[in-house]
């Protein structure tokens, strides 16, 4: 980056986590403030000096002392785009740094102003989330840094590798778009042996496609099956566990080993609703109209029970 800036070029730092720090923690007792309505830790935003839940939007002031042990030992851990921006300003004092994420582009012209200023060379470093990966053509950028690529690669979803490869290829394409110079892309990872990183280094789309296709075939995922995710939500955790178990058992009677779960998703409570997920894998040649009728009848049968009235059930067909 220093070499690029010295030569009059620009740089982009990509990190797909906004805020200043994703975790607030007590150094004394290891207490971590969590959202009172969602099963996630609060993210600290220095720009507003408060903690924010990125699922429901709840805001809380950063405590001066730990609510658990009452010691003045609260600190922040990890880094988001705000912290990356601050670090870039410290490391490159003579460079102007812009940040592009949901927080910095909330006002009407925020997004356009950032793009215009960076395109016109009024700033030398752009820090951002996936907003910086798509559809932007900055001719002056010769260096792109990807921070913590493992975060995208290791998400608990069968499409995580596909999404990570797509996103990393997109951001890598921001470097060296000016014809008279080549670009440098640096990817931070603790898993350099991961297939996604290997295919990314070679810009090997065909190789990645064949590898991912074989993985999907081996474990019976799309495009070799169709997937329906069934989500069940309830305000009472114990009641939900019982209902989800009964729902899963009923579906298993109808569809056999095509049914997986119920299980707790990665975030198991949002806005005070506990969540369970059931996955249904269906053959490609199955009649979707018949399947839809069976699922509707099952749903109506359960909802006719007064004890199930507060249960919320929704279906995500071919989730993306």
Protein backbone atom coordinates (compact mmCIF):
# COMPACT_ATOMS: atom_id res chain seq x y z
CA UNK A 1 0.00 0.00 0.00
CA UNK A 2 2.86 2.41 0.83
CA UNK A 3 4.44 1.72 -2.56
CA UNK A 4 1.11 2.22 -4.34
CA UNK A 5 0.38 5.50 -2.56
CA UNK A 6 3.92 6.75 -3.26
CA UNK A 7 3.30 6.10 -6.97
CA UNK A 8 0.05 8.03 -6.91
CA UNK A 9 -2.18 4.96 -6.90
CA UNK A 10 -5.08 4.06 -4.59
CA UNK A 11 -5.92 1.09 -2.38
CA UNK A 12 -9.05 -0.69 -1.20
CA UNK A 13 -9.38 -2.59 2.10
CA UNK A 14 -12.32 -4.99 2.15
CA UNK A 15 -13.80 -6.32 5.39
CA UNK A 16 -17.36 -7.57 5.45
CA UNK A 17 -18.19 -6.55 9.01
CA UNK A 18 -19.34 -3.06 9.88
CA UNK A 19 -19.01 -1.25 13.17
CA UNK A 20 -15.87 -0.73 15.25
CA UNK A 21 -15.69 -4.05 17.11
CA UNK A 22 -17.99 -7.09 16.86
CA UNK A 23 -17.58 -8.08 20.51
CA UNK A 24 -17.69 -6.13 23.76
CA UNK A 25 -16.23 -8.13 26.65
CA UNK A 26 -15.27 -7.72 30.31
CA UNK A 27 -11.57 -8.45 30.92
CA UNK A 28 -12.35 -9.45 34.50
CA UNK A 29 -15.23 -11.95 34.22
CA UNK A 30 -15.54 -12.46 30.42
CA UNK A 31 -19.11 -11.10 30.38
CA UNK A 32 -20.30 -10.31 26.82
CA UNK A 33 -23.34 -8.01 26.39
CA UNK A 34 -25.96 -9.59 24.16
CA UNK A 35 -29.07 -8.23 22.52
CA UNK A 36 -32.05 -8.70 24.86
CA UNK A 37 -34.20 -9.73 21.88
CA UNK A 38 -31.78 -11.72 19.66
CA UNK A 39 -29.25 -14.44 20.32
CA UNK A 40 -26.25 -12.36 19.17
CA UNK A 41 -23.59 -10.24 20.84
CA UNK A 42 -23.82 -6.48 20.48
CA UNK A 43 -21.50 -4.69 18.03
CA UNK A 44 -19.76 -1.55 19.23
CA UNK A 45 -20.01 1.50 16.93
CA UNK A 46 -17.54 4.21 17.85
CA UNK A 47 -19.19 6.79 15.56
CA UNK A 48 -22.27 6.78 17.82
CA UNK A 49 -20.52 5.40 20.94
CA UNK A 50 -23.14 2.71 21.49
CA UNK A 51 -23.70 -1.00 21.00
CA UNK A 52 -25.98 -2.12 18.16
CA UNK A 53 -27.74 -5.38 17.33
CA UNK A 54 -27.33 -5.91 13.59
CA UNK A 55 -30.43 -8.13 13.47
CA UNK A 56 -33.15 -6.04 15.11
CA UNK A 57 -31.45 -2.63 15.40
CA UNK A 58 -31.61 -2.38 19.20
CA UNK A 59 -29.13 0.16 20.60
CA UNK A 60 -27.60 0.25 24.07
CA UNK A 61 -24.97 2.59 25.59
CA UNK A 62 -21.50 1.14 26.10
CA UNK A 63 -21.30 0.49 29.88
CA UNK A 64 -18.57 2.17 31.94
CA UNK A 65 -18.46 -0.79 34.31
CA UNK A 66 -19.32 -4.43 33.75
CA UNK A 67 -23.00 -5.12 34.57
CA UNK A 68 -21.99 -8.57 35.83
CA UNK A 69 -18.97 -8.04 38.10
CA UNK A 70 -19.21 -4.22 38.42
CA UNK A 71 -15.54 -3.74 37.55
CA UNK A 72 -14.36 -1.02 35.12
CA UNK A 73 -12.98 -3.69 32.79
CA UNK A 74 -15.13 -3.37 29.66
CA UNK A 75 -13.15 -3.53 26.42
CA UNK A 76 -13.78 -4.28 22.76
CA UNK A 77 -12.50 -7.25 20.77
CA UNK A 78 -12.13 -7.82 17.04
CA UNK A 79 -12.52 -5.29 14.28
CA UNK A 80 -15.08 -3.90 11.89
CA UNK A 81 -14.82 -1.34 9.11
CA UNK A 82 -14.71 1.59 11.57
CA UNK A 83 -11.65 0.10 13.26
CA UNK A 84 -10.00 -0.69 9.93
CA UNK A 85 -10.60 2.92 8.87
CA UNK A 86 -8.98 4.18 12.06
CA UNK A 87 -5.98 1.87 11.62
CA UNK A 88 -5.52 2.99 8.00
CA UNK A 89 -5.57 6.64 9.07
CA UNK A 90 -2.93 5.89 11.70
CA UNK A 91 -0.66 3.91 9.36
CA UNK A 92 -0.98 6.27 6.40
CA UNK A 93 -1.09 9.74 7.91
CA UNK A 94 -0.76 11.58 4.61
CA UNK A 95 -3.57 9.64 2.91
CA UNK A 96 -7.25 10.42 3.08
CA UNK A 97 -9.41 7.43 4.01
CA UNK A 98 -13.07 6.92 3.09
CA UNK A 99 -15.37 4.25 4.48
CA UNK A 100 -18.24 2.70 2.54
CA UNK A 101 -20.70 0.59 4.53
CA UNK A 102 -24.33 0.70 5.59
CA UNK A 103 -23.59 3.24 8.32
CA UNK A 104 -21.64 5.71 6.15
CA UNK A 105 -24.17 5.62 3.29
CA UNK A 106 -27.43 6.04 5.23
CA UNK A 107 -28.12 9.59 4.10
CA UNK A 108 -29.49 10.39 0.67
CA UNK A 109 -26.26 11.17 -1.17
CA UNK A 110 -23.75 9.28 0.97
CA UNK A 111 -23.09 6.45 -1.49
CA UNK A 112 -22.72 8.70 -4.54
CA UNK A 113 -20.50 11.18 -2.70
CA UNK A 114 -18.05 8.49 -1.59
CA UNK A 115 -17.83 6.99 -5.09
CA UNK A 116 -17.36 10.44 -6.67
CA UNK A 117 -14.64 11.53 -4.26
CA UNK A 118 -12.70 8.27 -4.59
CA UNK A 119 -13.07 8.20 -8.38
CA UNK A 120 -11.76 11.77 -8.62
CA UNK A 121 -8.72 10.88 -6.50
CA UNK A 122 -9.74 13.07 -3.56
CA UNK A 123 -9.08 10.08 -1.26
CA UNK A 124 -6.38 7.44 -1.52
CA UNK A 125 -7.79 4.57 0.56
CA UNK A 126 -11.30 3.13 0.54
CA UNK A 127 -12.40 0.82 3.38
CA UNK A 128 -15.66 -1.03 2.94
CA UNK A 129 -17.95 -4.01 3.16
CA UNK A 130 -19.29 -5.89 0.13
CA UNK A 131 -20.57 -2.55 -1.19
CA UNK A 132 -17.07 -2.04 -2.65
CA UNK A 133 -17.02 -5.39 -4.48
CA UNK A 134 -19.54 -4.93 -7.28
CA UNK A 135 -19.98 -2.65 -10.24
CA UNK A 136 -17.34 -0.10 -9.32
CA UNK A 137 -14.59 0.83 -11.77
CA UNK A 138 -11.77 2.76 -10.08
CA UNK A 139 -8.90 3.12 -12.51
CA UNK A 140 -6.43 4.33 -9.87
CA UNK A 141 -6.62 1.28 -7.60
CA UNK A 142 -3.54 -0.95 -7.74
CA UNK A 143 -3.79 -2.72 -4.35
CA UNK A 144 -6.72 -4.55 -2.77
CA UNK A 145 -6.52 -6.09 0.70
CA UNK A 146 -9.08 -8.64 1.89
CA UNK A 147 -9.23 -8.92 5.68
CA UNK A 148 -10.24 -12.19 7.33
CA UNK A 149 -11.49 -14.09 4.29
CA UNK A 150 -12.17 -17.07 6.62
CA UNK A 151 -15.23 -15.28 7.92
CA UNK A 152 -17.01 -15.70 4.58
CA UNK A 153 -15.61 -19.14 3.75
CA UNK A 154 -16.67 -20.81 7.01
CA UNK A 155 -20.30 -19.75 7.26
CA UNK A 156 -22.56 -22.74 8.12
CA UNK A 157 -24.34 -22.89 4.76
CA UNK A 158 -23.91 -25.20 1.79
CA UNK A 159 -23.55 -22.16 -0.46
CA UNK A 160 -20.85 -20.47 1.65
CA UNK A 161 -17.97 -21.52 -0.64
CA UNK A 162 -19.86 -20.32 -3.73
CA UNK A 163 -20.68 -16.98 -2.13
CA UNK A 164 -17.17 -16.50 -0.76
CA UNK A 165 -15.52 -17.27 -4.12
CA UNK A 166 -17.88 -14.92 -5.93
CA UNK A 167 -17.37 -12.10 -3.43
CA UNK A 168 -13.57 -12.47 -3.30
CA UNK A 169 -13.31 -12.61 -7.09
CA UNK A 170 -15.43 -9.48 -7.32
CA UNK A 171 -13.30 -7.50 -4.87
CA UNK A 172 -10.08 -8.80 -6.44
CA UNK A 173 -11.30 -7.41 -9.74
CA UNK A 174 -11.17 -3.86 -8.34
CA UNK A 175 -7.34 -3.86 -8.59
CA UNK A 176 -5.35 -3.13 -11.73
CA UNK A 177 -8.23 -1.91 -13.87
CA UNK A 178 -6.04 0.77 -15.40
CA UNK A 179 -4.45 -0.64 -18.54
CA UNK A 180 -0.90 0.54 -17.88
CA UNK A 181 -0.40 -1.25 -14.55
CA UNK A 182 -1.10 -4.58 -12.94
CA UNK A 183 -2.90 -4.97 -9.64
CA UNK A 184 -1.93 -6.69 -6.41
CA UNK A 185 -4.52 -8.53 -4.29
CA UNK A 186 -3.62 -9.67 -0.77
CA UNK A 187 -5.97 -12.09 0.99
CA UNK A 188 -5.67 -12.60 4.75
CA UNK A 189 -6.53 -16.16 5.75
CA UNK A 190 -5.54 -18.81 8.30
CA UNK A 191 -6.57 -21.48 5.77
CA UNK A 192 -4.32 -20.95 2.73
CA UNK A 193 -4.89 -24.61 1.81
CA UNK A 194 -8.67 -24.15 1.51
CA UNK A 195 -9.95 -24.94 -2.01
CA UNK A 196 -11.64 -21.55 -2.33
CA UNK A 197 -8.31 -19.76 -1.76
CA UNK A 198 -6.53 -22.03 -4.23
CA UNK A 199 -9.07 -21.43 -6.98
CA UNK A 200 -9.09 -17.72 -6.20
CA UNK A 201 -5.31 -17.46 -6.60
CA UNK A 202 -5.57 -18.96 -10.08
CA UNK A 203 -8.77 -17.11 -10.99
CA UNK A 204 -9.90 -20.64 -11.83
CA UNK A 205 -13.65 -20.34 -12.17
CA UNK A 206 -13.99 -23.59 -14.13
CA UNK A 207 -11.97 -25.51 -11.56
CA UNK A 208 -14.00 -24.09 -8.70
CA UNK A 209 -17.24 -24.88 -10.52
CA UNK A 210 -16.29 -28.53 -11.07
CA UNK A 211 -15.04 -28.92 -7.48
CA UNK A 212 -18.17 -27.37 -5.99
CA UNK A 213 -20.42 -29.39 -8.30
CA UNK A 214 -18.82 -32.62 -7.10
CA UNK A 215 -19.30 -31.54 -3.45
CA UNK A 216 -22.98 -30.84 -4.12
CA UNK A 217 -23.39 -34.20 -5.87
CA UNK A 218 -21.68 -36.09 -3.03
CA UNK A 219 -23.89 -34.59 -0.33
CA UNK A 220 -27.07 -34.39 -2.40
CA UNK A 221 -27.48 -30.63 -2.54
CA UNK A 222 -28.78 -28.42 -5.37
CA UNK A 223 -28.59 -28.56 -8.33
CA UNK A 224 -29.05 -32.31 -7.81
CA UNK A 225 -32.01 -31.86 -5.45
CA UNK A 226 -34.43 -29.12 -4.52
CA UNK A 227 -34.27 -27.80 -0.98
CA UNK A 228 -37.08 -26.42 1.15
CA UNK A 229 -36.14 -24.81 4.47
CA UNK A 230 -38.99 -24.84 6.98
CA UNK A 231 -38.66 -22.33 9.82
CA UNK A 232 -40.67 -22.57 13.03
CA UNK A 233 -40.80 -19.62 15.42
CA UNK A 234 -42.26 -19.26 18.92
CA UNK A 235 -41.70 -16.99 21.90
CA UNK A 236 -41.31 -19.94 24.30
CA UNK A 237 -38.15 -21.98 23.82
CA UNK A 238 -39.38 -25.19 25.46
CA UNK A 239 -42.70 -25.08 23.64
CA UNK A 240 -40.90 -24.53 20.35
CA UNK A 241 -38.60 -27.52 20.92
CA UNK A 242 -41.63 -29.75 21.50
CA UNK A 243 -43.57 -28.38 18.52
CA UNK A 244 -40.58 -28.52 16.16
CA UNK A 245 -39.88 -32.10 17.22
CA UNK A 246 -43.48 -33.09 16.54
CA UNK A 247 -43.47 -31.25 13.20
CA UNK A 248 -40.24 -32.94 12.16
CA UNK A 249 -41.56 -36.37 13.17
CA UNK A 250 -44.71 -35.85 11.12
CA UNK A 251 -42.71 -34.79 8.07
CA UNK A 252 -40.39 -37.77 8.54
CA UNK A 253 -43.42 -40.09 8.43
CA UNK A 254 -44.34 -38.55 5.08
CA UNK A 255 -40.91 -38.02 3.48
CA UNK A 256 -38.57 -40.42 5.29
CA UNK A 257 -34.85 -39.65 5.16
CA UNK A 258 -35.45 -36.57 3.01
CA UNK A 259 -36.07 -34.66 6.24
CA UNK A 260 -33.20 -33.18 8.30
CA UNK A 261 -33.66 -31.54 11.67
CA UNK A 262 -35.13 -29.73 13.45
CA UNK A 263 -32.03 -27.85 14.51
CA UNK A 264 -31.12 -24.45 15.88
CA UNK A 265 -29.92 -22.11 13.11
CA UNK A 266 -26.75 -20.05 13.44
CA UNK A 267 -28.81 -17.29 15.10
CA UNK A 268 -31.50 -19.09 17.08
CA UNK A 269 -33.47 -16.10 18.43
CA UNK A 270 -34.45 -12.87 16.66
CA UNK A 271 -36.79 -10.21 18.07
CA UNK A 272 -37.72 -12.51 20.97
CA UNK A 273 -38.78 -15.36 18.65
CA UNK A 274 -36.88 -18.60 19.10
CA UNK A 275 -36.22 -20.38 15.81
CA UNK A 276 -35.87 -23.97 14.65
CA UNK A 277 -35.12 -25.09 11.12
CA UNK A 278 -36.13 -28.24 9.24
CA UNK A 279 -34.57 -29.01 5.86
CA UNK A 280 -36.43 -31.02 3.24
CA UNK A 281 -34.50 -32.34 0.22
CA UNK A 282 -36.68 -33.29 -2.72
CA UNK A 283 -35.85 -35.10 -5.97
CA UNK A 284 -35.80 -32.93 -9.06
CA UNK A 285 -38.56 -34.92 -10.74
CA UNK A 286 -40.91 -34.75 -7.75
CA UNK A 287 -44.28 -33.09 -8.32
CA UNK A 288 -44.08 -29.71 -6.62
CA UNK A 289 -47.86 -29.31 -6.70
CA UNK A 290 -48.32 -32.58 -4.78
CA UNK A 291 -45.55 -31.61 -2.38
CA UNK A 292 -47.17 -28.22 -1.83
CA UNK A 293 -50.52 -29.89 -1.03
CA UNK A 294 -48.90 -32.28 1.46
CA UNK A 295 -47.10 -29.46 3.24
CA UNK A 296 -50.27 -27.36 3.31
CA UNK A 297 -52.29 -30.22 4.80
CA UNK A 298 -49.58 -30.86 7.39
CA UNK A 299 -49.51 -27.18 8.30
CA UNK A 300 -53.30 -26.95 8.59
CA UNK A 301 -53.41 -30.10 10.69
CA UNK A 302 -50.93 -28.67 13.19
CA UNK A 303 -52.50 -25.23 13.25
CA UNK A 304 -55.92 -26.74 14.08
CA UNK A 305 -54.51 -27.72 17.48
CA UNK A 306 -55.18 -24.80 19.90
CA UNK A 307 -51.79 -25.34 21.56
CA UNK A 308 -50.09 -24.60 18.24
CA UNK A 309 -51.85 -21.29 17.56
CA UNK A 310 -48.86 -19.16 18.57
CA UNK A 311 -46.46 -21.14 16.39
CA UNK A 312 -45.23 -19.31 13.27
CA UNK A 313 -44.25 -21.50 10.32
CA UNK A 314 -42.87 -20.30 6.99
CA UNK A 315 -41.20 -21.98 4.04
CA UNK A 316 -38.19 -20.96 2.00
CA UNK A 317 -38.22 -22.87 -1.30
CA UNK A 318 -34.90 -23.06 -3.16
CA UNK A 319 -33.18 -20.75 -0.62
CA UNK A 320 -30.51 -18.43 -2.03
